[in-house]
Amino acid sequence: MSPPWALLVAALFSARAPSPALATTVCASSGAQAVFESTDCSKQMPQNSDRLPEDDEQHMHLLQQELRITNRMSGDLTRLVATTAMAVAAEIGPTTPDPTGVKLNAEGDLTAFVSAVITNVISVAVFLGIFSWLRLQYPIIFGDNSLKGISPILPETMFGWLQETLEMSVDEINDRITLDHAMMLEFTHLCMKILAIIGVPMLLFIGPMNCFFGGHAAREDHLSALSFGNIEKYSKLYWIHSVVVWYVILVVKHNVLAAMQRFLPRRSKWLLNMPQIRANTVLVESIPEEYQTDANLKSFWEMLMPNAAIKDTYIAKDTSSLQALMHQREAARHTLQKMEAKLARDGGERPTVRETFMGVRVDAIEHYLKRIEELGKQVVEERNRIQPPLWRIDLFARPSICL
């Protein structure tokens, strides 16, 4: 009998010199679960070699994570019990694959799922109750829009807010509050609609079909009884599920496009109702150095969008150095005014000041006059460096533009 594959399991004290008393050689044929007797496999083993051939090493590497081996050293008979998940799945297991380490449903998961559903329902009910109570205790925090008349006036009862809010339409929310709030609700409506269109037929038709005609591949995994994982391999139900896949794709595509068509008019209306400057301003960052002037940047956008009317472009400037110089000049002016006021009030000798820490004393009024003049020249130079004369200076922090 020539076995289709062989597995070598060896217990070694030394990597170079295996001990014959502790080494066990097993030759076995394929199968999901089997008991093998020890056999002389000397003819099948490589002689005078410290390692297995490359193919056998690959077999060992692939199978060592899938075999559970029991080796009994007593007696002449060595029994090996091996169970491989791949063999079981190939024979009777579920048809859903194990993709990239994602854990499939297993026996007992239905109980965990039901427990999670009950826990979440209770949590939602508790949080709704807490919110309803806090709304009455702290109305400014939890109902300020209603107090200001932005949203409908809510009854002063614990759950009076529920009916009023459910009756508000998306357009009313858009007009009363903001477009962002309206679109958040529209997104939740879209998700619920898609889940209803897909989920109801799945529960009423596809789920029972998988349960009664799928072949019961899920076995004791009751959570998968209604799912694709309950269909045995090579079942003709695969053809029905291929149609179901396209049904899901078309439903999602149709509803997403319909939601976009409803969104665009609301977006246009929102932009038209905004102030003109805010509705027609674009912020651009990471401007190349050759375009970091108002004129060059405007020419670039006129070239890029010839059909658009570019009214103005403003380069935001880094004016930290200019502001520091202006603060120093203002401080010198303030000190000069104090010196002049003190001299006019008290008379006597003119005040003096040291130019440096160990320097000689000089006339303070002349010193600060000279200092103000020097700082004024530096301010003009820095301003011209940031932006040429007769051009507007915007005191911002990073190179950006407003179109």
Protein backbone atom coordinates (compact mmCIF):
# COMPACT_ATOMS: atom_id res chain seq x y z
CA MET A 1 0.00 0.00 0.00
CA SER A 2 1.46 3.33 -1.05
CA PRO A 3 0.12 6.14 1.20
CA PRO A 4 -0.57 9.47 -0.52
CA TRP A 5 1.25 11.44 2.17
CA ALA A 6 3.45 10.87 5.20
CA LEU A 7 3.83 12.74 8.48
CA LEU A 8 6.96 12.55 10.62
CA VAL A 9 6.64 13.39 14.35
CA ALA A 10 9.93 13.23 16.26
CA ALA A 11 10.87 14.06 19.88
CA LEU A 12 14.56 14.99 19.87
CA PHE A 13 17.01 15.70 22.69
CA SER A 14 19.57 17.03 20.24
CA ALA A 15 19.08 18.76 16.91
CA ARG A 16 21.99 16.87 15.40
CA ALA A 17 21.57 13.44 16.98
CA PRO A 18 17.97 12.24 17.40
CA SER A 19 17.39 9.53 20.00
CA PRO A 20 15.90 6.30 18.52
CA ALA A 21 14.17 5.51 21.81
CA LEU A 22 12.13 8.70 21.73
CA ALA A 23 11.51 9.06 18.01
CA THR A 24 8.21 7.89 16.61
CA THR A 25 7.61 7.55 12.90
CA VAL A 26 4.08 7.47 11.54
CA CYS A 27 2.97 6.78 8.00
CA ALA A 28 -0.68 7.57 7.44
CA SER A 29 -3.24 7.92 4.70
CA SER A 30 -5.55 10.93 4.40
CA GLY A 31 -8.83 11.17 6.34
CA ALA A 32 -10.83 13.39 8.63
CA GLN A 33 -10.25 11.21 11.73
CA ALA A 34 -8.22 8.01 11.88
CA VAL A 35 -6.10 5.81 14.15
CA PHE A 36 -2.76 4.76 12.73
CA GLU A 37 -0.38 2.02 13.73
CA SER A 38 3.39 2.46 13.83
CA THR A 39 5.08 1.22 10.68
CA ASP A 40 8.59 0.85 9.41
CA CYS A 41 8.94 3.86 7.15
CA SER A 42 12.66 3.61 6.65
CA LYS A 43 12.17 3.20 2.95
CA GLN A 44 10.15 6.43 2.81
CA MET A 45 12.51 8.49 5.00
CA PRO A 46 15.59 10.27 3.65
CA GLN A 47 18.82 8.59 4.79
CA ASN A 48 21.87 10.36 6.24
CA SER A 49 20.16 13.75 6.23
CA ASP A 50 19.69 16.22 9.05
CA ARG A 51 16.53 17.74 7.53
CA LEU A 52 13.50 16.69 5.54
CA PRO A 53 13.04 17.32 1.85
CA GLU A 54 11.48 20.68 1.01
CA ASP A 55 8.06 19.18 0.15
CA ASP A 56 7.87 17.28 3.47
CA GLU A 57 8.87 20.41 5.37
CA GLN A 58 5.99 22.27 3.73
CA HIS A 59 3.61 19.49 4.72
CA MET A 60 4.82 19.64 8.31
CA HIS A 61 4.44 23.43 8.36
CA LEU A 62 0.92 23.34 6.96
CA LEU A 63 -0.34 20.49 9.11
CA GLN A 64 1.25 21.27 12.45
CA GLN A 65 -1.42 23.88 13.18
CA GLU A 66 -4.30 21.55 12.24
CA LEU A 67 -3.43 18.25 13.95
CA ARG A 68 -4.07 17.18 17.51
CA ILE A 69 -1.70 14.22 18.15
CA THR A 70 -1.77 11.73 21.00
CA ASN A 71 1.38 9.57 21.19
CA ARG A 72 1.56 6.65 23.63
CA MET A 73 5.10 5.33 24.14
CA SER A 74 4.06 2.13 25.95
CA GLY A 75 3.89 -1.03 23.88
CA ASP A 76 4.67 -1.74 20.29
CA LEU A 77 1.51 -0.01 19.06
CA THR A 78 1.53 3.81 18.64
CA ARG A 79 -1.88 5.30 18.04
CA LEU A 80 -2.38 8.68 16.46
CA VAL A 81 -5.69 10.58 16.58
CA ALA A 82 -5.79 13.47 14.07
CA THR A 83 -8.63 15.82 13.34
CA THR A 84 -8.27 18.41 10.62
CA ALA A 85 -10.67 21.33 10.28
CA MET A 86 -10.19 21.37 6.53
CA ALA A 87 -11.18 17.74 6.14
CA VAL A 88 -14.29 18.15 8.26
CA ALA A 89 -15.32 21.28 6.39
CA ALA A 90 -14.77 19.54 3.07
CA GLU A 91 -17.03 16.69 4.13
CA ILE A 92 -19.94 18.25 6.04
CA GLY A 93 -18.93 21.74 7.22
CA PRO A 94 -20.43 25.13 6.38
CA THR A 95 -19.70 26.58 2.98
CA THR A 96 -18.79 30.04 4.23
CA PRO A 97 -14.97 30.52 4.14
CA ASP A 98 -12.76 31.73 6.95
CA PRO A 99 -11.62 35.06 5.47
CA THR A 100 -8.42 36.58 6.87
CA GLY A 101 -8.93 35.41 10.42
CA VAL A 102 -12.58 36.46 10.76
CA LYS A 103 -14.29 34.11 13.20
CA LEU A 104 -17.37 32.35 11.84
CA ASN A 105 -20.53 31.66 13.79
CA ALA A 106 -20.30 28.69 16.11
CA GLU A 107 -22.48 26.66 18.44
CA GLY A 108 -23.82 28.81 21.26
CA ASP A 109 -23.56 32.12 19.40
CA LEU A 110 -27.35 32.40 19.12
CA THR A 111 -27.65 32.68 22.89
CA ALA A 112 -24.96 35.37 22.95
CA PHE A 113 -26.72 37.25 20.14
CA VAL A 114 -30.09 37.23 21.89
CA SER A 115 -28.46 38.36 25.14
CA ALA A 116 -26.75 41.26 23.32
CA VAL A 117 -30.05 42.34 21.72
CA ILE A 118 -31.84 42.33 25.07
CA THR A 119 -28.99 44.28 26.70
CA ASN A 120 -28.99 46.94 23.98
CA VAL A 121 -32.77 47.37 24.06
CA ILE A 122 -32.71 47.84 27.85
CA SER A 123 -29.79 50.29 27.57
CA VAL A 124 -31.60 52.41 24.96
CA ALA A 125 -34.74 52.52 27.10
CA VAL A 126 -32.77 53.54 30.21
CA PHE A 127 -30.88 56.30 28.39
CA LEU A 128 -34.09 57.66 26.88
CA GLY A 129 -35.62 57.80 30.34
CA ILE A 130 -32.56 59.58 31.76
CA PHE A 131 -32.61 62.14 28.93
CA SER A 132 -36.34 62.79 29.35
CA TRP A 133 -35.86 63.44 33.06
CA LEU A 134 -32.80 65.66 32.60
CA ARG A 135 -34.66 67.73 29.96
CA LEU A 136 -37.17 68.79 32.60
CA GLN A 137 -34.51 69.45 35.25
CA TYR A 138 -32.07 71.38 33.00
CA PRO A 139 -34.12 72.91 30.15
CA ILE A 140 -31.43 75.37 29.04
CA ILE A 141 -28.98 72.53 28.39
CA PHE A 142 -31.33 69.96 26.87
CA GLY A 143 -34.03 72.17 25.32
CA ASP A 144 -32.52 75.56 24.54
CA ASN A 145 -33.70 75.60 20.90
CA SER A 146 -37.27 75.09 22.07
CA LEU A 147 -36.98 77.90 24.64
CA LYS A 148 -35.67 80.28 21.96
CA GLY A 149 -38.41 79.37 19.48
CA ILE A 150 -36.02 77.81 16.97
CA SER A 151 -37.66 74.40 17.29
CA PRO A 152 -41.31 73.68 18.21
CA ILE A 153 -42.41 74.43 21.76
CA LEU A 154 -42.31 71.14 23.65
CA PRO A 155 -44.83 70.11 26.33
CA GLU A 156 -43.57 70.14 29.91
CA THR A 157 -44.04 66.39 30.31
CA MET A 158 -41.43 63.71 30.57
CA PHE A 159 -41.99 62.18 27.10
CA GLY A 160 -43.75 65.15 25.48
CA TRP A 161 -40.72 65.83 23.26
CA LEU A 162 -41.04 62.49 21.46
CA GLN A 163 -44.24 63.16 19.46
CA GLU A 164 -43.22 66.71 18.52
CA THR A 165 -39.83 65.69 17.18
CA LEU A 166 -41.20 62.72 15.23
CA GLU A 167 -43.64 65.00 13.43
CA MET A 168 -40.89 67.33 12.16
CA SER A 169 -39.90 66.77 8.51
CA VAL A 170 -36.36 66.92 7.13
CA ASP A 171 -37.14 70.19 5.29
CA GLU A 172 -38.48 71.76 8.49
CA ILE A 173 -35.34 70.76 10.36
CA ASN A 174 -33.28 72.21 7.51
CA ASP A 175 -35.12 75.55 7.74
CA ARG A 176 -35.30 75.77 11.54
CA ILE A 177 -31.90 74.42 12.56
CA THR A 178 -29.14 73.64 10.02
CA LEU A 179 -28.55 71.57 6.92
CA ASP A 180 -26.08 69.35 8.82
CA HIS A 181 -28.74 68.24 11.30
CA ALA A 182 -31.21 67.60 8.49
CA MET A 183 -28.69 65.51 6.54
CA MET A 184 -27.82 63.47 9.62
CA LEU A 185 -31.49 62.50 9.94
CA GLU A 186 -31.73 61.94 6.19
CA PHE A 187 -28.77 59.56 6.39
CA THR A 188 -30.43 57.54 9.17
CA HIS A 189 -33.65 57.44 7.11
CA LEU A 190 -31.67 56.18 4.12
CA CYS A 191 -30.03 53.41 6.15
CA MET A 192 -33.35 52.27 7.65
CA LYS A 193 -35.00 52.26 4.24
CA ILE A 194 -32.22 50.17 2.66
CA LEU A 195 -32.25 47.71 5.56
CA ALA A 196 -36.04 47.35 5.33
CA ILE A 197 -36.07 46.76 1.56
CA ILE A 198 -33.29 44.18 1.83
CA GLY A 199 -34.00 42.68 5.24
CA VAL A 200 -37.73 41.95 4.96
CA PRO A 201 -37.43 39.70 1.86
CA MET A 202 -34.38 38.03 3.40
CA LEU A 203 -36.27 37.14 6.58
CA LEU A 204 -39.48 36.09 4.84
CA PHE A 205 -38.09 34.16 1.85
CA ILE A 206 -34.30 33.71 1.69
CA GLY A 207 -33.87 32.78 5.36
CA PRO A 208 -36.53 30.01 5.39
CA MET A 209 -35.18 28.74 2.06
CA ASN A 210 -31.68 28.40 3.54
CA CYS A 211 -33.08 26.79 6.68
CA PHE A 212 -35.27 24.11 5.06
CA PHE A 213 -33.52 23.47 1.72
CA GLY A 214 -29.87 24.38 2.37
CA GLY A 215 -28.76 20.98 3.62
CA HIS A 216 -28.22 21.94 7.28
CA ALA A 217 -24.49 22.56 6.84
CA ALA A 218 -24.44 24.71 9.98
CA ARG A 219 -25.36 21.72 12.17
CA GLU A 220 -25.58 22.90 15.79
CA ASP A 221 -24.81 26.51 14.86
CA HIS A 222 -28.40 27.75 15.16
CA LEU A 223 -27.42 31.39 14.56
CA SER A 224 -26.48 30.46 10.98
CA ALA A 225 -29.65 28.48 10.31
CA LEU A 226 -31.14 31.27 8.16
CA SER A 227 -27.88 32.36 6.55
CA PHE A 228 -25.76 31.37 3.60
CA GLY A 229 -23.58 29.33 5.95
CA ASN A 230 -26.36 26.72 6.27
CA ILE A 231 -26.12 25.78 2.57
CA GLU A 232 -24.09 22.71 1.74
CA LYS A 233 -21.50 22.78 -1.01
CA TYR A 234 -22.53 22.49 -4.67
CA SER A 235 -26.15 23.26 -3.81
CA LYS A 236 -28.39 24.68 -6.53
CA LEU A 237 -29.38 27.43 -4.12
CA TYR A 238 -26.13 29.14 -5.10
CA TRP A 239 -27.87 30.31 -8.28
CA ILE A 240 -30.62 31.98 -6.26
CA HIS A 241 -28.05 33.73 -4.08
CA SER A 242 -26.28 35.06 -7.16
CA VAL A 243 -29.54 36.84 -8.01
CA VAL A 244 -29.85 38.02 -4.38
CA VAL A 245 -26.40 39.64 -4.59
CA TRP A 246 -27.46 41.72 -7.61
CA TYR A 247 -30.73 42.58 -5.89
CA VAL A 248 -28.78 44.04 -2.94
CA ILE A 249 -26.46 45.98 -5.28
CA LEU A 250 -29.31 47.51 -7.26
CA VAL A 251 -31.29 48.43 -4.14
CA VAL A 252 -28.33 50.21 -2.56
CA LYS A 253 -27.40 51.98 -5.81
CA HIS A 254 -30.95 53.20 -6.46
CA ASN A 255 -31.48 54.52 -2.92
CA VAL A 256 -28.09 56.24 -2.68
CA LEU A 257 -28.62 58.04 -6.00
CA ALA A 258 -32.15 59.04 -4.98
CA ALA A 259 -30.82 60.44 -1.69
CA MET A 260 -28.20 62.43 -3.59
CA GLN A 261 -30.88 63.91 -5.85
CA ARG A 262 -32.80 65.03 -2.77
CA PHE A 263 -29.66 66.47 -1.21
CA LEU A 264 -28.48 68.65 -4.10
CA PRO A 265 -31.49 71.06 -4.10
CA ARG A 266 -31.17 71.48 -0.34
CA ARG A 267 -27.46 72.17 -0.71
CA SER A 268 -28.07 74.77 -3.45
CA LYS A 269 -30.77 76.46 -1.40
CA TRP A 270 -28.48 76.56 1.63
CA LEU A 271 -25.67 78.18 -0.39
CA LEU A 272 -28.00 80.76 -1.95
CA ASN A 273 -29.29 81.81 1.48
CA MET A 274 -25.80 82.32 2.88
CA PRO A 275 -24.00 85.71 2.84
CA GLN A 276 -22.38 86.32 -0.52
CA ILE A 277 -18.79 86.36 0.73
CA ARG A 278 -19.19 83.12 2.70
CA ALA A 279 -20.99 81.33 -0.12
CA ASN A 280 -18.34 82.29 -2.71
CA THR A 281 -15.11 81.91 -0.74
CA VAL A 282 -12.69 79.05 -1.17
CA LEU A 283 -9.74 78.34 1.13
CA VAL A 284 -6.65 76.94 -0.58
CA GLU A 285 -3.49 75.76 1.20
CA SER A 286 0.04 74.61 0.23
CA ILE A 287 0.46 77.30 -2.45
CA PRO A 288 3.73 76.99 -4.44
CA GLU A 289 6.23 79.76 -3.82
CA GLU A 290 5.98 81.19 -7.34
CA TYR A 291 2.24 81.85 -6.80
CA GLN A 292 2.46 83.35 -3.31
CA THR A 293 1.39 86.83 -4.42
CA ASP A 294 -2.14 88.11 -4.95
CA ALA A 295 -1.62 88.93 -8.63
CA ASN A 296 0.12 85.66 -9.57
CA LEU A 297 -2.43 83.58 -7.71
CA LYS A 298 -5.35 85.35 -9.35
CA SER A 299 -3.79 84.80 -12.79
CA PHE A 300 -3.35 81.11 -12.00
CA TRP A 301 -7.02 80.63 -11.06
CA GLU A 302 -8.20 82.61 -14.08
CA MET A 303 -6.14 80.27 -16.25
CA LEU A 304 -7.42 77.21 -14.39
CA MET A 305 -11.11 78.25 -14.50
CA PRO A 306 -11.57 80.58 -17.48
CA ASN A 307 -15.38 80.55 -17.18
CA ALA A 308 -15.40 81.56 -13.50
CA ALA A 309 -15.28 85.18 -12.32
CA ILE A 310 -12.44 85.48 -9.78
CA LYS A 311 -13.18 88.71 -7.92
CA ASP A 312 -10.26 88.86 -5.48
CA THR A 313 -7.48 86.72 -4.06
CA TYR A 314 -5.87 87.40 -0.70
CA ILE A 315 -2.68 85.70 0.40
CA ALA A 316 -2.54 85.16 4.15
CA LYS A 317 0.81 86.42 5.46
CA ASP A 318 3.09 85.35 8.31
CA THR A 319 3.41 88.67 10.14
CA SER A 320 4.89 87.44 13.42
CA SER A 321 8.17 89.38 12.86
CA LEU A 322 6.31 92.52 11.82
CA GLN A 323 4.06 92.38 14.85
CA ALA A 324 7.08 91.96 17.16
CA LEU A 325 8.71 95.08 15.69
CA MET A 326 5.49 97.06 16.02
CA HIS A 327 5.15 96.02 19.67
CA GLN A 328 8.73 97.17 20.36
CA ARG A 329 8.08 100.52 18.68
CA GLU A 330 4.87 100.99 20.67
CA ALA A 331 6.73 100.17 23.91
CA ALA A 332 9.43 102.75 23.05
CA ARG A 333 6.79 105.41 22.35
CA HIS A 334 5.08 104.68 25.66
CA THR A 335 8.36 104.97 27.57
CA LEU A 336 9.22 108.22 25.77
CA GLN A 337 5.88 109.72 26.77
CA LYS A 338 6.51 108.78 30.42
CA MET A 339 9.97 110.39 30.35
CA GLU A 340 8.68 113.59 28.78
CA ALA A 341 5.79 113.79 31.24
CA LYS A 342 8.13 113.28 34.20
CA LEU A 343 10.51 115.99 32.94
CA ALA A 344 7.65 118.44 32.40
CA ARG A 345 6.20 117.74 35.84
CA ASP A 346 9.35 117.65 37.96
CA GLY A 347 11.79 119.70 35.89
CA GLY A 348 15.43 119.49 36.80
CA GLU A 349 17.91 117.33 34.90
CA ARG A 350 16.86 115.36 31.87
CA PRO A 351 16.39 111.62 32.53
CA THR A 352 19.15 109.23 31.52
CA VAL A 353 19.26 105.53 30.61
CA ARG A 354 21.95 102.92 29.91
CA GLU A 355 22.02 101.67 26.29
CA THR A 356 23.54 98.38 27.50
CA PHE A 357 23.76 96.64 30.85
CA MET A 358 27.27 97.99 31.64
CA GLY A 359 27.22 100.93 29.21
CA VAL A 360 27.44 104.62 29.98
CA ARG A 361 24.32 106.63 30.66
CA VAL A 362 22.86 108.70 27.80
CA ASP A 363 19.94 111.07 27.50
CA ALA A 364 16.78 108.97 27.72
CA ILE A 365 14.57 111.17 25.55
CA GLU A 366 17.10 111.27 22.70
CA HIS A 367 17.71 107.52 23.11
CA TYR A 368 14.05 106.60 22.73
CA LEU A 369 13.57 109.07 19.85
CA LYS A 370 16.42 107.37 18.04
CA ARG A 371 15.06 103.94 18.95
CA ILE A 372 11.60 104.80 17.60
CA GLU A 373 13.11 106.03 14.34
CA GLU A 374 15.18 102.83 13.89
CA LEU A 375 12.19 100.60 14.64
CA GLY A 376 10.06 102.59 12.19
CA LYS A 377 12.54 101.88 9.39
CA GLN A 378 12.59 98.17 10.30
CA VAL A 379 8.78 98.07 10.27
CA VAL A 380 8.69 99.57 6.78
CA GLU A 381 11.34 97.13 5.50
CA GLU A 382 9.53 94.12 6.98
CA ARG A 383 6.20 95.28 5.60
CA ASN A 384 7.69 95.72 2.12
CA ARG A 385 9.29 92.28 2.39
CA ILE A 386 5.95 90.65 3.24
CA GLN A 387 4.03 92.52 0.57
CA PRO A 388 4.99 95.26 -1.88
CA PRO A 389 3.75 98.81 -1.23
CA LEU A 390 0.16 99.74 -2.11
CA TRP A 391 -0.85 96.10 -1.66
CA ARG A 392 -3.11 94.91 1.10
CA ILE A 393 -1.59 93.16 4.14
CA ASP A 394 -3.69 90.45 5.79
CA LEU A 395 -2.45 89.50 9.26
CA PHE A 396 -2.84 85.74 9.16
CA ALA A 397 -0.48 82.91 9.94
CA ARG A 398 -0.10 80.59 6.96
CA PRO A 399 -0.07 80.81 3.12
CA SER A 400 -3.71 80.41 2.11
CA ILE A 401 -6.12 82.26 -0.15
CA CYS A 402 -9.74 83.27 -0.30
CA LEU A 403 -11.24 83.27 -3.78
